[in-house]
Amino acid sequence: MPKIFEYLGILIFFYSNDHEPIHVHGKYENFESKAEFFIENGRIVKIVIKSVKGVSPLKGSKLKDFEDFIEKYGDRIIDKWINYFVLHKEVDFERIERRLK
């Protein structure tokens, strides 16, 4: 499970056996959601937040924090996905402790 970011306590990661569409999981305590990225011509055109089967989804302020992070860091998440799943490279973990503006 490559951990790629932690944002205000939310762990953002891929599962090692993940699949397309490109997506990332966000977990806080026992809650987890995922964000799917839809890309056209190399650009993110849509991001959809979804529940993860068998797990309670992120709620309230943690869901909002996850959405804000995904919106601002989407391109970097895509880069890490490509590096890990396509190029088979290690990806760096980054901890962000300040709220994004």
PDB file of N, CA and C in Angstrom:
ATOM      1  N   MET A   1       0.846  -1.170   0.000  1.00  0.00           N
ATOM      2  CA  MET A   1       0.000   0.000   0.000  1.00  0.00           C
ATOM      3  C   MET A   1       0.893   1.234   0.000  1.00  0.00           C
ATOM      4  N   PRO A   2       1.172   1.798  -1.167  1.00  0.00           N
ATOM      5  CA  PRO A   2       1.999   3.004  -1.204  1.00  0.00           C
ATOM      6  C   PRO A   2       1.256   4.214  -0.616  1.00  0.00           C
ATOM      7  N   LYS A   3       1.785   4.734   0.462  1.00  0.00           N
ATOM      8  CA  LYS A   3       1.247   5.953   1.073  1.00  0.00           C
ATOM      9  C   LYS A   3       1.900   7.120   0.343  1.00  0.00           C
ATOM     10  N   ILE A   4       1.082   8.042  -0.155  1.00  0.00           N
ATOM     11  CA  ILE A   4       1.666   9.124  -0.943  1.00  0.00           C
ATOM     12  C   ILE A   4       1.571  10.487  -0.262  1.00  0.00           C
ATOM     13  N   PHE A   5       0.522  10.697   0.527  1.00  0.00           N
ATOM     14  CA  PHE A   5       0.366  11.959   1.251  1.00  0.00           C
ATOM     15  C   PHE A   5      -0.320  11.692   2.584  1.00  0.00           C
ATOM     16  N   GLU A   6      -0.085  12.603   3.503  1.00  0.00           N
ATOM     17  CA  GLU A   6      -0.944  12.722   4.677  1.00  0.00           C
ATOM     18  C   GLU A   6      -1.311  14.192   4.753  1.00  0.00           C
ATOM     19  N   TYR A   7      -2.597  14.458   4.813  1.00  0.00           N
ATOM     20  CA  TYR A   7      -3.081  15.835   4.862  1.00  0.00           C
ATOM     21  C   TYR A   7      -4.030  15.985   6.046  1.00  0.00           C
ATOM     22  N   LEU A   8      -3.611  16.753   7.034  1.00  0.00           N
ATOM     23  CA  LEU A   8      -4.405  17.011   8.228  1.00  0.00           C
ATOM     24  C   LEU A   8      -4.940  15.718   8.844  1.00  0.00           C
ATOM     25  N   GLY A   9      -4.093  14.706   8.881  1.00  0.00           N
ATOM     26  CA  GLY A   9      -4.462  13.431   9.486  1.00  0.00           C
ATOM     27  C   GLY A   9      -5.106  12.433   8.537  1.00  0.00           C
ATOM     28  N   ILE A  10      -5.434  12.856   7.330  1.00  0.00           N
ATOM     29  CA  ILE A  10      -6.024  11.956   6.337  1.00  0.00           C
ATOM     30  C   ILE A  10      -4.889  11.285   5.573  1.00  0.00           C
ATOM     31  N   LEU A  11      -4.847   9.965   5.612  1.00  0.00           N
ATOM     32  CA  LEU A  11      -3.836   9.222   4.875  1.00  0.00           C
ATOM     33  C   LEU A  11      -4.335   9.020   3.448  1.00  0.00           C
ATOM     34  N   ILE A  12      -3.522   9.385   2.489  1.00  0.00           N
ATOM     35  CA  ILE A  12      -3.884   9.297   1.075  1.00  0.00           C
ATOM     36  C   ILE A  12      -2.935   8.299   0.426  1.00  0.00           C
ATOM     37  N   PHE A  13      -3.525   7.275  -0.215  1.00  0.00           N
ATOM     38  CA  PHE A  13      -2.717   6.148  -0.665  1.00  0.00           C
ATOM     39  C   PHE A  13      -3.367   5.423  -1.842  1.00  0.00           C
ATOM     40  N   PHE A  14      -2.560   4.535  -2.434  1.00  0.00           N
ATOM     41  CA  PHE A  14      -3.017   3.575  -3.438  1.00  0.00           C
ATOM     42  C   PHE A  14      -2.952   2.195  -2.797  1.00  0.00           C
ATOM     43  N   TYR A  15      -3.771   1.284  -3.243  1.00  0.00           N
ATOM     44  CA  TYR A  15      -3.562  -0.131  -2.934  1.00  0.00           C
ATOM     45  C   TYR A  15      -2.605  -0.660  -3.992  1.00  0.00           C
ATOM     46  N   SER A  16      -1.709  -1.544  -3.610  1.00  0.00           N
ATOM     47  CA  SER A  16      -0.689  -2.060  -4.530  1.00  0.00           C
ATOM     48  C   SER A  16      -1.272  -2.762  -5.746  1.00  0.00           C
ATOM     49  N   ASN A  17      -2.459  -3.308  -5.614  1.00  0.00           N
ATOM     50  CA  ASN A  17      -3.094  -4.022  -6.724  1.00  0.00           C
ATOM     51  C   ASN A  17      -4.233  -3.206  -7.338  1.00  0.00           C
ATOM     52  N   ASP A  18      -4.172  -1.889  -7.215  1.00  0.00           N
ATOM     53  CA  ASP A  18      -5.251  -1.036  -7.722  1.00  0.00           C
ATOM     54  C   ASP A  18      -5.396  -1.146  -9.230  1.00  0.00           C
ATOM     55  N   HIS A  19      -6.445  -0.577  -9.724  1.00  0.00           N
ATOM     56  CA  HIS A  19      -6.862  -0.713 -11.119  1.00  0.00           C
ATOM     57  C   HIS A  19      -7.315   0.651 -11.624  1.00  0.00           C
ATOM     58  N   GLU A  20      -7.547   0.717 -12.909  1.00  0.00           N
ATOM     59  CA  GLU A  20      -8.084   1.951 -13.483  1.00  0.00           C
ATOM     60  C   GLU A  20      -9.588   1.989 -13.268  1.00  0.00           C
ATOM     61  N   PRO A  21     -10.240   3.129 -13.278  1.00  0.00           N
ATOM     62  CA  PRO A  21      -9.655   4.430 -13.563  1.00  0.00           C
ATOM     63  C   PRO A  21      -8.687   4.859 -12.452  1.00  0.00           C
ATOM     64  N   ILE A  22      -7.846   5.794 -12.795  1.00  0.00           N
ATOM     65  CA  ILE A  22      -6.904   6.313 -11.807  1.00  0.00           C
ATOM     66  C   ILE A  22      -7.706   6.825 -10.624  1.00  0.00           C
ATOM     67  N   HIS A  23      -7.333   6.374  -9.443  1.00  0.00           N
ATOM     68  CA  HIS A  23      -8.013   6.823  -8.236  1.00  0.00           C
ATOM     69  C   HIS A  23      -7.064   6.733  -7.043  1.00  0.00           C
ATOM     70  N   VAL A  24      -7.472   7.387  -5.981  1.00  0.00           N
ATOM     71  CA  VAL A  24      -6.687   7.415  -4.751  1.00  0.00           C
ATOM     72  C   VAL A  24      -7.667   7.264  -3.593  1.00  0.00           C
ATOM     73  N   HIS A  25      -7.178   6.638  -2.518  1.00  0.00           N
ATOM     74  CA  HIS A  25      -7.995   6.441  -1.324  1.00  0.00           C
ATOM     75  C   HIS A  25      -7.598   7.452  -0.264  1.00  0.00           C
ATOM     76  N   GLY A  26      -8.579   7.887   0.508  1.00  0.00           N
ATOM     77  CA  GLY A  26      -8.339   8.754   1.654  1.00  0.00           C
ATOM     78  C   GLY A  26      -8.924   8.102   2.883  1.00  0.00           C
ATOM     79  N   LYS A  27      -8.115   7.957   3.938  1.00  0.00           N
ATOM     80  CA  LYS A  27      -8.569   7.267   5.139  1.00  0.00           C
ATOM     81  C   LYS A  27      -8.280   8.122   6.361  1.00  0.00           C
ATOM     82  N   TYR A  28      -9.282   8.228   7.218  1.00  0.00           N
ATOM     83  CA  TYR A  28      -9.137   8.914   8.500  1.00  0.00           C
ATOM     84  C   TYR A  28      -9.856   8.062   9.540  1.00  0.00           C
ATOM     85  N   GLU A  29      -9.107   7.588  10.524  1.00  0.00           N
ATOM     86  CA  GLU A  29      -9.629   6.662  11.529  1.00  0.00           C
ATOM     87  C   GLU A  29     -10.258   5.465  10.811  1.00  0.00           C
ATOM     88  N   ASN A  30     -11.523   5.162  11.043  1.00  0.00           N
ATOM     89  CA  ASN A  30     -12.169   4.008  10.413  1.00  0.00           C
ATOM     90  C   ASN A  30     -12.985   4.383   9.185  1.00  0.00           C
ATOM     91  N   PHE A  31     -12.795   5.575   8.673  1.00  0.00           N
ATOM     92  CA  PHE A  31     -13.559   6.068   7.527  1.00  0.00           C
ATOM     93  C   PHE A  31     -12.656   6.113   6.294  1.00  0.00           C
ATOM     94  N   GLU A  32     -13.232   5.795   5.147  1.00  0.00           N
ATOM     95  CA  GLU A  32     -12.437   5.786   3.917  1.00  0.00           C
ATOM     96  C   GLU A  32     -13.321   6.107   2.721  1.00  0.00           C
ATOM     97  N   SER A  33     -12.797   6.943   1.837  1.00  0.00           N
ATOM     98  CA  SER A  33     -13.443   7.261   0.559  1.00  0.00           C
ATOM     99  C   SER A  33     -12.379   7.190  -0.514  1.00  0.00           C
ATOM    100  N   LYS A  34     -12.814   7.224  -1.767  1.00  0.00           N
ATOM    101  CA  LYS A  34     -11.837   7.270  -2.850  1.00  0.00           C
ATOM    102  C   LYS A  34     -12.238   8.358  -3.836  1.00  0.00           C
ATOM    103  N   ALA A  35     -11.241   8.846  -4.546  1.00  0.00           N
ATOM    104  CA  ALA A  35     -11.451   9.868  -5.575  1.00  0.00           C
ATOM    105  C   ALA A  35     -11.004   9.302  -6.909  1.00  0.00           C
ATOM    106  N   GLU A  36     -11.920   9.269  -7.873  1.00  0.00           N
ATOM    107  CA  GLU A  36     -11.593   8.793  -9.222  1.00  0.00           C
ATOM    108  C   GLU A  36     -11.351   9.994 -10.119  1.00  0.00           C
ATOM    109  N   PHE A  37     -10.307   9.899 -10.926  1.00  0.00           N
ATOM    110  CA  PHE A  37      -9.922  10.978 -11.835  1.00  0.00           C
ATOM    111  C   PHE A  37     -10.287  10.584 -13.258  1.00  0.00           C
ATOM    112  N   PHE A  38     -10.928  11.493 -13.964  1.00  0.00           N
ATOM    113  CA  PHE A  38     -11.252  11.297 -15.373  1.00  0.00           C
ATOM    114  C   PHE A  38     -10.419  12.289 -16.165  1.00  0.00           C
ATOM    115  N   ILE A  39      -9.657  11.758 -17.104  1.00  0.00           N
ATOM    116  CA  ILE A  39      -8.651  12.553 -17.817  1.00  0.00           C
ATOM    117  C   ILE A  39      -8.931  12.516 -19.305  1.00  0.00           C
ATOM    118  N   GLU A  40      -8.858  13.688 -19.933  1.00  0.00           N
ATOM    119  CA  GLU A  40      -8.960  13.800 -21.390  1.00  0.00           C
ATOM    120  C   GLU A  40      -7.832  14.686 -21.879  1.00  0.00           C
ATOM    121  N   ASN A  41      -7.134  14.226 -22.886  1.00  0.00           N
ATOM    122  CA  ASN A  41      -6.019  14.983 -23.466  1.00  0.00           C
ATOM    123  C   ASN A  41      -5.011  15.421 -22.407  1.00  0.00           C
ATOM    124  N   GLY A  42      -4.738  14.531 -21.456  1.00  0.00           N
ATOM    125  CA  GLY A  42      -3.729  14.807 -20.451  1.00  0.00           C
ATOM    126  C   GLY A  42      -4.148  15.749 -19.346  1.00  0.00           C
ATOM    127  N   ARG A  43      -5.430  16.096 -19.286  1.00  0.00           N
ATOM    128  CA  ARG A  43      -5.919  17.034 -18.263  1.00  0.00           C
ATOM    129  C   ARG A  43      -7.045  16.391 -17.464  1.00  0.00           C
ATOM    130  N   ILE A  44      -7.080  16.698 -16.178  1.00  0.00           N
ATOM    131  CA  ILE A  44      -8.172  16.223 -15.333  1.00  0.00           C
ATOM    132  C   ILE A  44      -9.420  17.013 -15.700  1.00  0.00           C
ATOM    133  N   VAL A  45     -10.462  16.322 -16.117  1.00  0.00           N
ATOM    134  CA  VAL A  45     -11.710  16.991 -16.482  1.00  0.00           C
ATOM    135  C   VAL A  45     -12.803  16.783 -15.443  1.00  0.00           C
ATOM    136  N   LYS A  46     -12.610  15.764 -14.588  1.00  0.00           N
ATOM    137  CA  LYS A  46     -13.639  15.483 -13.587  1.00  0.00           C
ATOM    138  C   LYS A  46     -13.029  14.623 -12.488  1.00  0.00           C
ATOM    139  N   ILE A  47     -13.456  14.891 -11.260  1.00  0.00           N
ATOM    140  CA  ILE A  47     -13.069  14.077 -10.108  1.00  0.00           C
ATOM    141  C   ILE A  47     -14.353  13.675  -9.397  1.00  0.00           C
ATOM    142  N   VAL A  48     -14.492  12.380  -9.131  1.00  0.00           N
ATOM    143  CA  VAL A  48     -15.689  11.879  -8.464  1.00  0.00           C
ATOM    144  C   VAL A  48     -15.276  11.201  -7.164  1.00  0.00           C
ATOM    145  N   ILE A  49     -15.869  11.648  -6.059  1.00  0.00           N
ATOM    146  CA  ILE A  49     -15.621  11.038  -4.762  1.00  0.00           C
ATOM    147  C   ILE A  49     -16.635   9.907  -4.579  1.00  0.00           C
ATOM    148  N   LYS A  50     -16.134   8.730  -4.196  1.00  0.00           N
ATOM    149  CA  LYS A  50     -16.992   7.561  -4.037  1.00  0.00           C
ATOM    150  C   LYS A  50     -16.732   6.880  -2.698  1.00  0.00           C
ATOM    151  N   SER A  51     -17.705   6.088  -2.286  1.00  0.00           N
ATOM    152  CA  SER A  51     -17.549   5.250  -1.098  1.00  0.00           C
ATOM    153  C   SER A  51     -16.712   4.032  -1.454  1.00  0.00           C
ATOM    154  N   VAL A  52     -16.150   3.405  -0.435  1.00  0.00           N
ATOM    155  CA  VAL A  52     -15.400   2.164  -0.585  1.00  0.00           C
ATOM    156  C   VAL A  52     -16.259   1.058   0.024  1.00  0.00           C
ATOM    157  N   LYS A  53     -16.465   0.012  -0.718  1.00  0.00           N
ATOM    158  CA  LYS A  53     -17.330  -1.090  -0.279  1.00  0.00           C
ATOM    159  C   LYS A  53     -16.887  -1.630   1.082  1.00  0.00           C
ATOM    160  N   GLY A  54     -17.853  -1.728   1.992  1.00  0.00           N
ATOM    161  CA  GLY A  54     -17.601  -2.313   3.294  1.00  0.00           C
ATOM    162  C   GLY A  54     -17.003  -1.377   4.328  1.00  0.00           C
ATOM    163  N   VAL A  55     -16.845  -0.102   3.991  1.00  0.00           N
ATOM    164  CA  VAL A  55     -16.228   0.862   4.908  1.00  0.00           C
ATOM    165  C   VAL A  55     -17.103   2.116   4.952  1.00  0.00           C
ATOM    166  N   SER A  56     -17.226   2.723   6.117  1.00  0.00           N
ATOM    167  CA  SER A  56     -17.962   3.984   6.223  1.00  0.00           C
ATOM    168  C   SER A  56     -17.173   5.088   5.536  1.00  0.00           C
ATOM    169  N   PRO A  57     -17.854   5.929   4.734  1.00  0.00           N
ATOM    170  CA  PRO A  57     -17.140   6.996   4.008  1.00  0.00           C
ATOM    171  C   PRO A  57     -16.721   8.146   4.924  1.00  0.00           C
ATOM    172  N   LEU A  58     -15.742   8.894   4.451  1.00  0.00           N
ATOM    173  CA  LEU A  58     -15.372  10.137   5.137  1.00  0.00           C
ATOM    174  C   LEU A  58     -16.605  11.032   5.215  1.00  0.00           C
ATOM    175  N   LYS A  59     -16.699  11.809   6.280  1.00  0.00           N
ATOM    176  CA  LYS A  59     -17.868  12.671   6.476  1.00  0.00           C
ATOM    177  C   LYS A  59     -17.441  14.053   6.941  1.00  0.00           C
ATOM    178  N   GLY A  60     -18.353  14.997   6.805  1.00  0.00           N
ATOM    179  CA  GLY A  60     -18.182  16.328   7.372  1.00  0.00           C
ATOM    180  C   GLY A  60     -16.912  17.021   6.944  1.00  0.00           C
ATOM    181  N   SER A  61     -16.202  17.570   7.928  1.00  0.00           N
ATOM    182  CA  SER A  61     -15.011  18.373   7.625  1.00  0.00           C
ATOM    183  C   SER A  61     -13.890  17.529   7.025  1.00  0.00           C
ATOM    184  N   LYS A  62     -13.793  16.252   7.392  1.00  0.00           N
ATOM    185  CA  LYS A  62     -12.738  15.398   6.828  1.00  0.00           C
ATOM    186  C   LYS A  62     -13.011  15.105   5.357  1.00  0.00           C
ATOM    187  N   LEU A  63     -14.269  14.933   4.985  1.00  0.00           N
ATOM    188  CA  LEU A  63     -14.609  14.758   3.576  1.00  0.00           C
ATOM    189  C   LEU A  63     -14.273  16.026   2.805  1.00  0.00           C
ATOM    190  N   LYS A  64     -14.601  17.175   3.366  1.00  0.00           N
ATOM    191  CA  LYS A  64     -14.297  18.456   2.711  1.00  0.00           C
ATOM    192  C   LYS A  64     -12.783  18.639   2.565  1.00  0.00           C
ATOM    193  N   ASP A  65     -12.034  18.302   3.622  1.00  0.00           N
ATOM    194  CA  ASP A  65     -10.571  18.398   3.547  1.00  0.00           C
ATOM    195  C   ASP A  65     -10.029  17.490   2.437  1.00  0.00           C
ATOM    196  N   PHE A  66     -10.548  16.273   2.347  1.00  0.00           N
ATOM    197  CA  PHE A  66     -10.132  15.333   1.297  1.00  0.00           C
ATOM    198  C   PHE A  66     -10.446  15.904  -0.080  1.00  0.00           C
ATOM    199  N   GLU A  67     -11.645  16.415  -0.267  1.00  0.00           N
ATOM    200  CA  GLU A  67     -12.039  17.002  -1.558  1.00  0.00           C
ATOM    201  C   GLU A  67     -11.140  18.175  -1.929  1.00  0.00           C
ATOM    202  N   ASP A  68     -10.878  19.054  -0.965  1.00  0.00           N
ATOM    203  CA  ASP A  68     -10.012  20.216  -1.228  1.00  0.00           C
ATOM    204  C   ASP A  68      -8.607  19.774  -1.625  1.00  0.00           C
ATOM    205  N   PHE A  69      -8.088  18.791  -0.908  1.00  0.00           N
ATOM    206  CA  PHE A  69      -6.742  18.304  -1.201  1.00  0.00           C
ATOM    207  C   PHE A  69      -6.677  17.695  -2.599  1.00  0.00           C
ATOM    208  N   ILE A  70      -7.636  16.846  -2.916  1.00  0.00           N
ATOM    209  CA  ILE A  70      -7.672  16.179  -4.215  1.00  0.00           C
ATOM    210  C   ILE A  70      -7.748  17.208  -5.341  1.00  0.00           C
ATOM    211  N   GLU A  71      -8.551  18.231  -5.138  1.00  0.00           N
ATOM    212  CA  GLU A  71      -8.703  19.280  -6.156  1.00  0.00           C
ATOM    213  C   GLU A  71      -7.373  19.993  -6.413  1.00  0.00           C
ATOM    214  N   LYS A  72      -6.634  20.299  -5.358  1.00  0.00           N
ATOM    215  CA  LYS A  72      -5.391  21.056  -5.499  1.00  0.00           C
ATOM    216  C   LYS A  72      -4.186  20.180  -5.873  1.00  0.00           C
ATOM    217  N   TYR A  73      -4.178  18.931  -5.461  1.00  0.00           N
ATOM    218  CA  TYR A  73      -3.029  18.053  -5.675  1.00  0.00           C
ATOM    219  C   TYR A  73      -3.291  16.979  -6.732  1.00  0.00           C
ATOM    220  N   GLY A  74      -4.359  17.098  -7.474  1.00  0.00           N
ATOM    221  CA  GLY A  74      -4.729  16.091  -8.464  1.00  0.00           C
ATOM    222  C   GLY A  74      -3.615  15.751  -9.435  1.00  0.00           C
ATOM    223  N   ASP A  75      -2.961  16.752  -9.994  1.00  0.00           N
ATOM    224  CA  ASP A  75      -1.895  16.492 -10.972  1.00  0.00           C
ATOM    225  C   ASP A  75      -0.731  15.723 -10.341  1.00  0.00           C
ATOM    226  N   ARG A  76      -0.406  16.052  -9.103  1.00  0.00           N
ATOM    227  CA  ARG A  76       0.688  15.349  -8.421  1.00  0.00           C
ATOM    228  C   ARG A  76       0.301  13.909  -8.099  1.00  0.00           C
ATOM    229  N   ILE A  77      -0.980  13.703  -7.771  1.00  0.00           N
ATOM    230  CA  ILE A  77      -1.462  12.346  -7.523  1.00  0.00           C
ATOM    231  C   ILE A  77      -1.362  11.518  -8.800  1.00  0.00           C
ATOM    232  N   ILE A  78      -1.765  12.092  -9.921  1.00  0.00           N
ATOM    233  CA  ILE A  78      -1.686  11.398 -11.216  1.00  0.00           C
ATOM    234  C   ILE A  78      -0.226  11.041 -11.521  1.00  0.00           C
ATOM    235  N   ASP A  79       0.688  11.989 -11.295  1.00  0.00           N
ATOM    236  CA  ASP A  79       2.115  11.720 -11.523  1.00  0.00           C
ATOM    237  C   ASP A  79       2.593  10.543 -10.681  1.00  0.00           C
ATOM    238  N   LYS A  80       2.193  10.514  -9.418  1.00  0.00           N
ATOM    239  CA  LYS A  80       2.610   9.420  -8.541  1.00  0.00           C
ATOM    240  C   LYS A  80       1.995   8.102  -8.998  1.00  0.00           C
ATOM    241  N   TRP A  81       0.740   8.139  -9.459  1.00  0.00           N
ATOM    242  CA  TRP A  81       0.087   6.924  -9.976  1.00  0.00           C
ATOM    243  C   TRP A  81       0.887   6.367 -11.164  1.00  0.00           C
ATOM    244  N   ILE A  82       1.229   7.245 -12.116  1.00  0.00           N
ATOM    245  CA  ILE A  82       1.978   6.822 -13.303  1.00  0.00           C
ATOM    246  C   ILE A  82       3.342   6.282 -12.904  1.00  0.00           C
ATOM    247  N   ASN A  83       4.033   6.989 -12.010  1.00  0.00           N
ATOM    248  CA  ASN A  83       5.346   6.516 -11.572  1.00  0.00           C
ATOM    249  C   ASN A  83       5.253   5.133 -10.937  1.00  0.00           C
ATOM    250  N   TYR A  84       4.237   4.917 -10.113  1.00  0.00           N
ATOM    251  CA  TYR A  84       4.138   3.654  -9.392  1.00  0.00           C
ATOM    252  C   TYR A  84       3.617   2.510 -10.267  1.00  0.00           C
ATOM    253  N   PHE A  85       2.485   2.728 -10.936  1.00  0.00           N
ATOM    254  CA  PHE A  85       1.832   1.640 -11.656  1.00  0.00           C
ATOM    255  C   PHE A  85       2.338   1.437 -13.083  1.00  0.00           C
ATOM    256  N   VAL A  86       2.795   2.492 -13.740  1.00  0.00           N
ATOM    257  CA  VAL A  86       3.241   2.372 -15.133  1.00  0.00           C
ATOM    258  C   VAL A  86       4.756   2.235 -15.217  1.00  0.00           C
ATOM    259  N   LEU A  87       5.471   3.119 -14.522  1.00  0.00           N
ATOM    260  CA  LEU A  87       6.933   3.117 -14.594  1.00  0.00           C
ATOM    261  C   LEU A  87       7.590   2.254 -13.520  1.00  0.00           C
ATOM    262  N   HIS A  88       6.803   1.748 -12.585  1.00  0.00           N
ATOM    263  CA  HIS A  88       7.274   0.866 -11.514  1.00  0.00           C
ATOM    264  C   HIS A  88       8.394   1.501 -10.686  1.00  0.00           C
ATOM    265  N   LYS A  89       8.196   2.770 -10.364  1.00  0.00           N
ATOM    266  CA  LYS A  89       9.148   3.505  -9.529  1.00  0.00           C
ATOM    267  C   LYS A  89       8.568   3.649  -8.120  1.00  0.00           C
ATOM    268  N   GLU A  90       9.444   3.850  -7.168  1.00  0.00           N
ATOM    269  CA  GLU A  90       9.007   4.179  -5.812  1.00  0.00           C
ATOM    270  C   GLU A  90       8.424   5.589  -5.823  1.00  0.00           C
ATOM    271  N   VAL A  91       7.462   5.839  -4.954  1.00  0.00           N
ATOM    272  CA  VAL A  91       6.893   7.184  -4.852  1.00  0.00           C
ATOM    273  C   VAL A  91       7.168   7.723  -3.453  1.00  0.00           C
ATOM    274  N   ASP A  92       7.431   9.012  -3.387  1.00  0.00           N
ATOM    275  CA  ASP A  92       7.731   9.660  -2.123  1.00  0.00           C
ATOM    276  C   ASP A  92       6.459   9.935  -1.336  1.00  0.00           C
ATOM    277  N   PHE A  93       6.584   9.866  -0.022  1.00  0.00           N
ATOM    278  CA  PHE A  93       5.512  10.211   0.900  1.00  0.00           C
ATOM    279  C   PHE A  93       5.708  11.655   1.330  1.00  0.00           C
ATOM    280  N   GLU A  94       4.622  12.414   1.347  1.00  0.00           N
ATOM    281  CA  GLU A  94       4.680  13.812   1.768  1.00  0.00           C
ATOM    282  C   GLU A  94       3.622  14.059   2.830  1.00  0.00           C
ATOM    283  N   ARG A  95       4.017  14.710   3.924  1.00  0.00           N
ATOM    284  CA  ARG A  95       3.086  15.065   4.995  1.00  0.00           C
ATOM    285  C   ARG A  95       2.825  16.573   4.911  1.00  0.00           C
ATOM    286  N   ILE A  96       1.546  16.930   4.864  1.00  0.00           N
ATOM    287  CA  ILE A  96       1.153  18.340   4.799  1.00  0.00           C
ATOM    288  C   ILE A  96       0.300  18.619   6.024  1.00  0.00           C
ATOM    289  N   GLU A  97       0.805  19.479   6.909  1.00  0.00           N
ATOM    290  CA  GLU A  97       0.143  19.713   8.180  1.00  0.00           C
ATOM    291  C   GLU A  97      -0.597  21.042   8.239  1.00  0.00           C
ATOM    292  N   ARG A  98      -0.433  21.857   7.215  1.00  0.00           N
ATOM    293  CA  ARG A  98      -1.139  23.139   7.194  1.00  0.00           C
ATOM    294  C   ARG A  98      -2.291  23.063   6.214  1.00  0.00           C
ATOM    295  N   ARG A  99      -3.380  23.669   6.592  1.00  0.00           N
ATOM    296  CA  ARG A  99      -4.578  23.694   5.738  1.00  0.00           C
ATOM    297  C   ARG A  99      -4.262  24.430   4.437  1.00  0.00           C
ATOM    298  N   LEU A 100      -4.700  23.868   3.326  1.00  0.00           N
ATOM    299  CA  LEU A 100      -4.508  24.505   2.023  1.00  0.00           C
ATOM    300  C   LEU A 100      -5.394  25.734   1.920  1.00  0.00           C
ATOM    301  N   LYS A 101      -4.929  26.711   1.168  1.00  0.00           N
ATOM    302  CA  LYS A 101      -5.720  27.938   0.980  1.00  0.00           C
ATOM    303  C   LYS A 101      -6.312  27.960  -0.390  1.00  0.00           C
TER     304      LYS A 101
END
